[in-house]
Amino acid sequence: MKRSTRRRLRHGSLYVLLLAVVLVLGFTLDWSSVQQTFFNTEGLKHNWHDLVVTGVKNTVIYTAIAFAAGLVLAVVLALMKLSEVGIYRWLATVYIEFFRGLPALVTILAMGFGFPIAFGWRPPGGTLGAGLIGLVLVAGAYMAETIRAGIQAVPKGQTEASRSLGMSSGKTMTWIVLPQAFRIIVPPLTNEMVLLIKDTSLLAFIGATVGSRELTNVARDMMTSGASAGTATSLTMAGVLYLVITLPLTRLVAWMEKKQRRAR
């Protein structure tokens, strides 16, 4: 049997298998129960306002805060890791590996409850502010490695040329290397932002006031009260809103990566 024939038969069998799975699900699932649980029309009508006005707004705000502060921290860590001073490299490496190795939820809970109890610390913004600090610590660790890779991707000739013109190492890094590095790492940094948008959902574990809840927190509260209580409709709606926020960003990343490949 020819290779092309075997390939067509293999592809055909996969299509048949997929069709069989779809048919089995179609005939065995209780679709009225699925609709009532995940797509309750009464809940859909009454819950959009709180999910969008409170949930989406706060999710975007928390993402912006965590990304901006994490980016500043990441630049410092990346420069420390590339420093000629050994202790700086060691400290940056320990920090990055530590926070990249811990689950983000553990860091958020530690900042929200552990540190305030252990040290009598009153974080700015209360428990929610402490949770945001936890997000910043984690985001900084991940973005630091991205920025370090971007700096090292800038051709050495750029640094040598600027130094030969009399620029100091600090000015060379600030005005020559970092701008080029950021142009290289825009796609992965955008990916980090997408991850941060989803990680803000972890703030639901430390509690929030009614007006400061992010999207997941609002959806969770709606499962216990309101028109969609006792159903998962609010989670379905929250999932749709997360996709509305993140899908354009992921498509933007794909476009930027494709553009960079063409430029090379």
C-alpha atoms as a PDB file:
ATOM      1  CA  MET A   1       0.000   0.000   0.000  1.00  0.00           C
ATOM      2  CA  LYS A   2       1.303   3.414  -0.947  1.00  0.00           C
ATOM      3  CA  ARG A   3       2.328   5.876   1.758  1.00  0.00           C
ATOM      4  CA  SER A   4      -0.175   8.448   0.509  1.00  0.00           C
ATOM      5  CA  THR A   5      -2.983   5.867   0.696  1.00  0.00           C
ATOM      6  CA  ARG A   6      -2.024   4.914   4.258  1.00  0.00           C
ATOM      7  CA  ARG A   7      -2.008   8.590   5.206  1.00  0.00           C
ATOM      8  CA  ARG A   8      -5.488   9.122   3.742  1.00  0.00           C
ATOM      9  CA  LEU A   9      -6.819   6.048   5.556  1.00  0.00           C
ATOM     10  CA  ARG A  10      -5.279   7.217   8.829  1.00  0.00           C
ATOM     11  CA  HIS A  11      -6.782  10.688   8.454  1.00  0.00           C
ATOM     12  CA  GLY A  12     -10.146   9.200   7.510  1.00  0.00           C
ATOM     13  CA  SER A  13     -10.175   6.960  10.591  1.00  0.00           C
ATOM     14  CA  LEU A  14      -9.445   9.955  12.813  1.00  0.00           C
ATOM     15  CA  TYR A  15     -12.374  11.840  11.284  1.00  0.00           C
ATOM     16  CA  VAL A  16     -14.644   8.826  11.858  1.00  0.00           C
ATOM     17  CA  LEU A  17     -13.483   8.588  15.477  1.00  0.00           C
ATOM     18  CA  LEU A  18     -14.201  12.275  16.042  1.00  0.00           C
ATOM     19  CA  LEU A  19     -17.646  11.942  14.486  1.00  0.00           C
ATOM     20  CA  ALA A  20     -18.386   8.931  16.702  1.00  0.00           C
ATOM     21  CA  VAL A  21     -17.410  10.857  19.849  1.00  0.00           C
ATOM     22  CA  VAL A  22     -19.612  13.796  18.813  1.00  0.00           C
ATOM     23  CA  LEU A  23     -22.574  11.479  18.154  1.00  0.00           C
ATOM     24  CA  VAL A  24     -22.151   9.676  21.476  1.00  0.00           C
ATOM     25  CA  LEU A  25     -22.056  12.980  23.349  1.00  0.00           C
ATOM     26  CA  GLY A  26     -25.009  14.279  21.363  1.00  0.00           C
ATOM     27  CA  PHE A  27     -27.208  11.322  22.271  1.00  0.00           C
ATOM     28  CA  THR A  28     -26.101  10.743  25.870  1.00  0.00           C
ATOM     29  CA  LEU A  29     -25.893  14.261  27.338  1.00  0.00           C
ATOM     30  CA  ASP A  30     -28.945  15.817  28.964  1.00  0.00           C
ATOM     31  CA  TRP A  31     -28.904  19.014  26.922  1.00  0.00           C
ATOM     32  CA  SER A  32     -31.703  20.656  28.889  1.00  0.00           C
ATOM     33  CA  SER A  33     -29.664  20.208  32.071  1.00  0.00           C
ATOM     34  CA  VAL A  34     -26.549  21.569  30.332  1.00  0.00           C
ATOM     35  CA  GLN A  35     -28.500  24.597  29.138  1.00  0.00           C
ATOM     36  CA  GLN A  36     -29.996  25.224  32.574  1.00  0.00           C
ATOM     37  CA  THR A  37     -26.608  24.904  34.295  1.00  0.00           C
ATOM     38  CA  PHE A  38     -24.272  26.748  31.947  1.00  0.00           C
ATOM     39  CA  PHE A  39     -26.545  28.933  29.804  1.00  0.00           C
ATOM     40  CA  ASN A  40     -29.396  29.966  32.085  1.00  0.00           C
ATOM     41  CA  THR A  41     -31.127  32.736  30.144  1.00  0.00           C
ATOM     42  CA  GLU A  42     -32.421  34.428  33.304  1.00  0.00           C
ATOM     43  CA  GLY A  43     -28.887  34.651  34.633  1.00  0.00           C
ATOM     44  CA  LEU A  44     -27.547  35.858  31.307  1.00  0.00           C
ATOM     45  CA  LYS A  45     -29.967  38.789  31.316  1.00  0.00           C
ATOM     46  CA  HIS A  46     -29.309  39.975  34.858  1.00  0.00           C
ATOM     47  CA  ASN A  47     -25.585  39.397  35.380  1.00  0.00           C
ATOM     48  CA  TRP A  48     -23.807  41.083  32.486  1.00  0.00           C
ATOM     49  CA  HIS A  49     -23.753  44.482  34.189  1.00  0.00           C
ATOM     50  CA  ASP A  50     -21.850  43.398  37.324  1.00  0.00           C
ATOM     51  CA  LEU A  51     -19.509  41.128  35.383  1.00  0.00           C
ATOM     52  CA  VAL A  52     -18.510  43.869  32.941  1.00  0.00           C
ATOM     53  CA  VAL A  53     -18.715  47.034  35.064  1.00  0.00           C
ATOM     54  CA  THR A  54     -17.095  45.532  38.165  1.00  0.00           C
ATOM     55  CA  GLY A  55     -15.354  42.319  37.111  1.00  0.00           C
ATOM     56  CA  VAL A  56     -13.807  43.266  33.785  1.00  0.00           C
ATOM     57  CA  LYS A  57     -12.909  46.786  34.923  1.00  0.00           C
ATOM     58  CA  ASN A  58     -11.069  45.575  38.026  1.00  0.00           C
ATOM     59  CA  THR A  59      -9.396  42.721  36.145  1.00  0.00           C
ATOM     60  CA  VAL A  60      -7.963  45.197  33.624  1.00  0.00           C
ATOM     61  CA  ILE A  61      -6.878  47.589  36.393  1.00  0.00           C
ATOM     62  CA  TYR A  62      -5.161  44.855  38.421  1.00  0.00           C
ATOM     63  CA  THR A  63      -3.452  43.497  35.309  1.00  0.00           C
ATOM     64  CA  ALA A  64      -2.141  46.949  34.391  1.00  0.00           C
ATOM     65  CA  ILE A  65      -0.801  47.544  37.913  1.00  0.00           C
ATOM     66  CA  ALA A  66       0.846  44.132  38.175  1.00  0.00           C
ATOM     67  CA  PHE A  67       2.324  44.341  34.664  1.00  0.00           C
ATOM     68  CA  ALA A  68       3.743  47.856  35.055  1.00  0.00           C
ATOM     69  CA  ALA A  69       5.254  47.225  38.496  1.00  0.00           C
ATOM     70  CA  GLY A  70       6.437  43.755  37.466  1.00  0.00           C
ATOM     71  CA  LEU A  71       8.110  45.193  34.372  1.00  0.00           C
ATOM     72  CA  VAL A  72      10.097  47.703  36.438  1.00  0.00           C
ATOM     73  CA  LEU A  73      11.144  44.930  38.837  1.00  0.00           C
ATOM     74  CA  ALA A  74      12.017  42.669  35.898  1.00  0.00           C
ATOM     75  CA  VAL A  75      14.331  45.252  34.314  1.00  0.00           C
ATOM     76  CA  VAL A  76      16.210  45.621  37.620  1.00  0.00           C
ATOM     77  CA  LEU A  77      16.486  41.842  38.031  1.00  0.00           C
ATOM     78  CA  ALA A  78      17.625  41.336  34.434  1.00  0.00           C
ATOM     79  CA  LEU A  79      20.348  43.971  34.790  1.00  0.00           C
ATOM     80  CA  MET A  80      21.433  42.424  38.087  1.00  0.00           C
ATOM     81  CA  LYS A  81      21.653  38.982  36.484  1.00  0.00           C
ATOM     82  CA  LEU A  82      23.839  40.400  33.704  1.00  0.00           C
ATOM     83  CA  SER A  83      25.960  42.420  36.120  1.00  0.00           C
ATOM     84  CA  GLU A  84      29.689  41.881  36.416  1.00  0.00           C
ATOM     85  CA  VAL A  85      29.286  41.928  40.217  1.00  0.00           C
ATOM     86  CA  GLY A  86      28.916  38.343  41.370  1.00  0.00           C
ATOM     87  CA  ILE A  87      26.663  38.982  44.381  1.00  0.00           C
ATOM     88  CA  TYR A  88      24.158  40.829  42.181  1.00  0.00           C
ATOM     89  CA  ARG A  89      24.037  37.934  39.733  1.00  0.00           C
ATOM     90  CA  TRP A  90      23.581  35.481  42.617  1.00  0.00           C
ATOM     91  CA  LEU A  91      20.785  37.474  44.264  1.00  0.00           C
ATOM     92  CA  ALA A  92      18.905  37.918  40.975  1.00  0.00           C
ATOM     93  CA  THR A  93      19.252  34.226  40.106  1.00  0.00           C
ATOM     94  CA  VAL A  94      17.999  33.111  43.534  1.00  0.00           C
ATOM     95  CA  TYR A  95      15.019  35.480  43.332  1.00  0.00           C
ATOM     96  CA  ILE A  96      14.064  34.470  39.799  1.00  0.00           C
ATOM     97  CA  GLU A  97      14.355  30.735  40.417  1.00  0.00           C
ATOM     98  CA  PHE A  98      12.504  30.985  43.729  1.00  0.00           C
ATOM     99  CA  PHE A  99       9.459  32.835  42.434  1.00  0.00           C
ATOM    100  CA  ARG A 100       9.361  30.941  39.146  1.00  0.00           C
ATOM    101  CA  GLY A 101       9.403  27.698  41.119  1.00  0.00           C
ATOM    102  CA  LEU A 102       6.563  28.612  43.494  1.00  0.00           C
ATOM    103  CA  PRO A 103       2.915  28.457  42.370  1.00  0.00           C
ATOM    104  CA  ALA A 104       1.554  31.986  41.999  1.00  0.00           C
ATOM    105  CA  LEU A 105      -1.293  31.135  44.381  1.00  0.00           C
ATOM    106  CA  VAL A 106       1.169  30.254  47.174  1.00  0.00           C
ATOM    107  CA  THR A 107       2.904  33.628  46.741  1.00  0.00           C
ATOM    108  CA  ILE A 108      -0.403  35.518  46.752  1.00  0.00           C
ATOM    109  CA  LEU A 109      -1.639  33.720  49.878  1.00  0.00           C
ATOM    110  CA  ALA A 110       1.697  34.268  51.636  1.00  0.00           C
ATOM    111  CA  MET A 111       1.595  37.992  50.898  1.00  0.00           C
ATOM    112  CA  GLY A 112      -2.100  38.277  51.713  1.00  0.00           C
ATOM    113  CA  PHE A 113      -2.106  36.341  54.991  1.00  0.00           C
ATOM    114  CA  GLY A 114       1.322  34.990  55.971  1.00  0.00           C
ATOM    115  CA  PHE A 115       3.425  38.149  56.011  1.00  0.00           C
ATOM    116  CA  PRO A 116       0.793  40.414  57.643  1.00  0.00           C
ATOM    117  CA  ILE A 117       0.311  37.888  60.468  1.00  0.00           C
ATOM    118  CA  ALA A 118       4.003  37.087  60.946  1.00  0.00           C
ATOM    119  CA  PHE A 119       5.343  40.647  60.852  1.00  0.00           C
ATOM    120  CA  GLY A 120       2.307  42.738  61.804  1.00  0.00           C
ATOM    121  CA  TRP A 121       2.500  44.303  58.342  1.00  0.00           C
ATOM    122  CA  ARG A 122      -0.421  46.328  57.054  1.00  0.00           C
ATOM    123  CA  PRO A 123      -0.146  46.229  53.255  1.00  0.00           C
ATOM    124  CA  PRO A 124      -1.340  49.198  51.184  1.00  0.00           C
ATOM    125  CA  GLY A 125      -4.797  48.418  49.906  1.00  0.00           C
ATOM    126  CA  GLY A 126      -5.362  45.764  52.557  1.00  0.00           C
ATOM    127  CA  THR A 127      -5.427  42.071  51.693  1.00  0.00           C
ATOM    128  CA  LEU A 128      -6.141  42.795  48.036  1.00  0.00           C
ATOM    129  CA  GLY A 129      -3.115  45.102  47.839  1.00  0.00           C
ATOM    130  CA  ALA A 130      -0.967  42.360  49.346  1.00  0.00           C
ATOM    131  CA  GLY A 131      -2.279  39.912  46.760  1.00  0.00           C
ATOM    132  CA  LEU A 132      -1.356  42.356  43.998  1.00  0.00           C
ATOM    133  CA  ILE A 133       2.156  42.608  45.452  1.00  0.00           C
ATOM    134  CA  GLY A 134       2.333  38.823  45.214  1.00  0.00           C
ATOM    135  CA  LEU A 135       1.347  39.019  41.536  1.00  0.00           C
ATOM    136  CA  VAL A 136       4.025  41.671  40.949  1.00  0.00           C
ATOM    137  CA  LEU A 137       6.703  39.482  42.557  1.00  0.00           C
ATOM    138  CA  VAL A 138       5.800  36.527  40.340  1.00  0.00           C
ATOM    139  CA  ALA A 139       5.422  38.598  37.161  1.00  0.00           C
ATOM    140  CA  GLY A 140       8.779  40.289  37.766  1.00  0.00           C
ATOM    141  CA  ALA A 141      10.528  36.926  38.017  1.00  0.00           C
ATOM    142  CA  TYR A 142       9.087  35.636  34.744  1.00  0.00           C
ATOM    143  CA  MET A 143       9.571  38.855  32.781  1.00  0.00           C
ATOM    144  CA  ALA A 144      13.149  39.223  34.067  1.00  0.00           C
ATOM    145  CA  GLU A 145      14.224  36.150  32.121  1.00  0.00           C
ATOM    146  CA  THR A 146      12.469  37.440  29.012  1.00  0.00           C
ATOM    147  CA  ILE A 147      14.204  40.820  29.290  1.00  0.00           C
ATOM    148  CA  ARG A 148      17.578  39.201  29.966  1.00  0.00           C
ATOM    149  CA  ALA A 149      17.205  37.095  26.814  1.00  0.00           C
ATOM    150  CA  GLY A 150      16.244  40.216  24.843  1.00  0.00           C
ATOM    151  CA  ILE A 151      19.306  42.128  26.061  1.00  0.00           C
ATOM    152  CA  GLN A 152      21.605  39.242  25.144  1.00  0.00           C
ATOM    153  CA  ALA A 153      19.963  39.039  21.703  1.00  0.00           C
ATOM    154  CA  VAL A 154      21.116  42.582  20.837  1.00  0.00           C
ATOM    155  CA  PRO A 155      24.273  42.281  18.693  1.00  0.00           C
ATOM    156  CA  LYS A 156      27.496  42.940  20.625  1.00  0.00           C
ATOM    157  CA  GLY A 157      28.536  45.360  17.907  1.00  0.00           C
ATOM    158  CA  GLN A 158      25.864  47.811  19.086  1.00  0.00           C
ATOM    159  CA  THR A 159      27.478  48.030  22.522  1.00  0.00           C
ATOM    160  CA  GLU A 160      30.983  48.221  21.128  1.00  0.00           C
ATOM    161  CA  ALA A 161      30.034  50.994  18.691  1.00  0.00           C
ATOM    162  CA  SER A 162      28.382  53.116  21.379  1.00  0.00           C
ATOM    163  CA  ARG A 163      31.300  52.675  23.758  1.00  0.00           C
ATOM    164  CA  SER A 164      33.725  53.667  21.014  1.00  0.00           C
ATOM    165  CA  LEU A 165      31.734  56.914  20.664  1.00  0.00           C
ATOM    166  CA  GLY A 166      32.425  57.698  24.312  1.00  0.00           C
ATOM    167  CA  MET A 167      29.100  56.643  25.836  1.00  0.00           C
ATOM    168  CA  SER A 168      29.220  55.215  29.347  1.00  0.00           C
ATOM    169  CA  SER A 169      28.042  51.675  30.028  1.00  0.00           C
ATOM    170  CA  GLY A 170      24.919  53.034  31.753  1.00  0.00           C
ATOM    171  CA  LYS A 171      23.977  55.274  28.829  1.00  0.00           C
ATOM    172  CA  THR A 172      24.735  52.483  26.381  1.00  0.00           C
ATOM    173  CA  MET A 173      22.358  50.155  28.201  1.00  0.00           C
ATOM    174  CA  THR A 174      19.648  52.823  28.597  1.00  0.00           C
ATOM    175  CA  TRP A 175      19.697  54.413  25.150  1.00  0.00           C
ATOM    176  CA  ILE A 176      21.078  51.716  22.857  1.00  0.00           C
ATOM    177  CA  VAL A 177      20.613  48.203  24.217  1.00  0.00           C
ATOM    178  CA  LEU A 178      17.309  48.312  26.127  1.00  0.00           C
ATOM    179  CA  PRO A 179      15.259  49.958  23.329  1.00  0.00           C
ATOM    180  CA  GLN A 180      16.427  47.285  20.876  1.00  0.00           C
ATOM    181  CA  ALA A 181      15.873  44.528  23.419  1.00  0.00           C
ATOM    182  CA  PHE A 182      12.292  45.630  24.070  1.00  0.00           C
ATOM    183  CA  ARG A 183      11.591  45.687  20.347  1.00  0.00           C
ATOM    184  CA  ILE A 184      12.664  42.028  20.248  1.00  0.00           C
ATOM    185  CA  ILE A 185      10.709  40.908  23.302  1.00  0.00           C
ATOM    186  CA  VAL A 186       7.380  42.661  22.724  1.00  0.00           C
ATOM    187  CA  PRO A 187       5.650  39.371  21.697  1.00  0.00           C
ATOM    188  CA  PRO A 188       6.748  37.361  24.772  1.00  0.00           C
ATOM    189  CA  LEU A 189       5.974  40.306  27.056  1.00  0.00           C
ATOM    190  CA  THR A 190       2.482  40.447  25.564  1.00  0.00           C
ATOM    191  CA  ASN A 191       2.161  36.745  26.339  1.00  0.00           C
ATOM    192  CA  GLU A 192       3.131  37.509  29.931  1.00  0.00           C
ATOM    193  CA  MET A 193       0.344  40.080  30.040  1.00  0.00           C
ATOM    194  CA  VAL A 194      -2.145  37.462  28.871  1.00  0.00           C
ATOM    195  CA  LEU A 195      -0.968  35.143  31.655  1.00  0.00           C
ATOM    196  CA  LEU A 196      -1.317  37.982  34.165  1.00  0.00           C
ATOM    197  CA  ILE A 197      -4.905  38.629  33.047  1.00  0.00           C
ATOM    198  CA  LYS A 198      -5.723  35.030  33.895  1.00  0.00           C
ATOM    199  CA  ASP A 199      -3.651  35.037  37.098  1.00  0.00           C
ATOM    200  CA  THR A 200      -5.713  37.909  38.503  1.00  0.00           C
ATOM    201  CA  SER A 201      -8.387  35.255  39.035  1.00  0.00           C
ATOM    202  CA  LEU A 202      -6.215  33.925  41.880  1.00  0.00           C
ATOM    203  CA  LEU A 203      -7.011  37.082  43.839  1.00  0.00           C
ATOM    204  CA  ALA A 204     -10.454  35.546  44.423  1.00  0.00           C
ATOM    205  CA  PHE A 205      -8.838  33.310  47.068  1.00  0.00           C
ATOM    206  CA  ILE A 206      -7.925  36.206  49.368  1.00  0.00           C
ATOM    207  CA  GLY A 207     -11.308  37.975  49.317  1.00  0.00           C
ATOM    208  CA  ALA A 208     -12.298  41.479  48.283  1.00  0.00           C
ATOM    209  CA  THR A 209     -14.941  44.092  48.907  1.00  0.00           C
ATOM    210  CA  VAL A 210     -17.948  44.226  46.592  1.00  0.00           C
ATOM    211  CA  GLY A 211     -16.504  47.041  44.492  1.00  0.00           C
ATOM    212  CA  SER A 212     -12.965  45.618  44.249  1.00  0.00           C
ATOM    213  CA  ARG A 213     -13.785  42.097  43.028  1.00  0.00           C
ATOM    214  CA  GLU A 214     -12.179  40.888  39.827  1.00  0.00           C
ATOM    215  CA  LEU A 215     -13.985  38.857  37.169  1.00  0.00           C
ATOM    216  CA  THR A 216     -13.683  35.391  38.717  1.00  0.00           C
ATOM    217  CA  ASN A 217     -14.649  36.692  42.143  1.00  0.00           C
ATOM    218  CA  VAL A 218     -17.797  38.315  40.755  1.00  0.00           C
ATOM    219  CA  ALA A 219     -18.719  35.120  38.886  1.00  0.00           C
ATOM    220  CA  ARG A 220     -18.175  32.990  41.989  1.00  0.00           C
ATOM    221  CA  ASP A 221     -20.408  35.240  44.109  1.00  0.00           C
ATOM    222  CA  MET A 222     -23.126  35.069  41.472  1.00  0.00           C
ATOM    223  CA  MET A 223     -23.160  31.272  41.784  1.00  0.00           C
ATOM    224  CA  THR A 224     -24.466  31.649  45.336  1.00  0.00           C
ATOM    225  CA  SER A 225     -26.813  34.620  44.974  1.00  0.00           C
ATOM    226  CA  GLY A 226     -28.809  36.444  42.338  1.00  0.00           C
ATOM    227  CA  ALA A 227     -30.635  35.261  39.252  1.00  0.00           C
ATOM    228  CA  SER A 228     -28.061  32.580  38.347  1.00  0.00           C
ATOM    229  CA  ALA A 229     -27.617  31.165  41.873  1.00  0.00           C
ATOM    230  CA  GLY A 230     -27.141  27.407  41.874  1.00  0.00           C
ATOM    231  CA  THR A 231     -25.924  27.346  38.271  1.00  0.00           C
ATOM    232  CA  ALA A 232     -22.582  27.815  36.531  1.00  0.00           C
ATOM    233  CA  THR A 233     -23.934  30.409  34.103  1.00  0.00           C
ATOM    234  CA  SER A 234     -21.867  33.194  35.654  1.00  0.00           C
ATOM    235  CA  LEU A 235     -18.698  31.131  35.124  1.00  0.00           C
ATOM    236  CA  THR A 236     -19.649  30.628  31.484  1.00  0.00           C
ATOM    237  CA  MET A 237     -20.111  34.370  31.108  1.00  0.00           C
ATOM    238  CA  ALA A 238     -16.809  35.074  32.869  1.00  0.00           C
ATOM    239  CA  GLY A 239     -15.067  32.626  30.533  1.00  0.00           C
ATOM    240  CA  VAL A 240     -16.491  34.414  27.501  1.00  0.00           C
ATOM    241  CA  LEU A 241     -15.304  37.777  28.849  1.00  0.00           C
ATOM    242  CA  TYR A 242     -11.807  36.420  29.519  1.00  0.00           C
ATOM    243  CA  LEU A 243     -11.691  35.225  25.912  1.00  0.00           C
ATOM    244  CA  VAL A 244     -12.875  38.629  24.680  1.00  0.00           C
ATOM    245  CA  ILE A 245      -9.918  40.198  26.525  1.00  0.00           C
ATOM    246  CA  THR A 246      -7.206  37.635  25.808  1.00  0.00           C
ATOM    247  CA  LEU A 247      -7.902  36.391  22.259  1.00  0.00           C
ATOM    248  CA  PRO A 248      -7.123  39.754  20.580  1.00  0.00           C
ATOM    249  CA  LEU A 249      -3.843  39.859  22.530  1.00  0.00           C
ATOM    250  CA  THR A 250      -2.861  36.323  21.519  1.00  0.00           C
ATOM    251  CA  ARG A 251      -3.647  37.111  17.884  1.00  0.00           C
ATOM    252  CA  LEU A 252      -1.564  40.283  18.207  1.00  0.00           C
ATOM    253  CA  VAL A 253       1.338  38.189  19.517  1.00  0.00           C
ATOM    254  CA  ALA A 254       1.050  35.811  16.561  1.00  0.00           C
ATOM    255  CA  TRP A 255       1.030  38.753  14.138  1.00  0.00           C
ATOM    256  CA  MET A 256       4.079  40.370  15.773  1.00  0.00           C
ATOM    257  CA  GLU A 257       6.022  37.093  15.761  1.00  0.00           C
ATOM    258  CA  LYS A 258       5.200  36.576  12.086  1.00  0.00           C
ATOM    259  CA  LYS A 259       6.308  40.123  11.332  1.00  0.00           C
ATOM    260  CA  GLN A 260       9.598  39.600  13.183  1.00  0.00           C
ATOM    261  CA  ARG A 261      10.290  36.362  11.276  1.00  0.00           C
ATOM    262  CA  ARG A 262       9.753  38.202   7.971  1.00  0.00           C
ATOM    263  CA  ALA A 263      12.068  41.016   9.103  1.00  0.00           C
ATOM    264  CA  ARG A 264      14.827  38.502   9.784  1.00  0.00           C
END
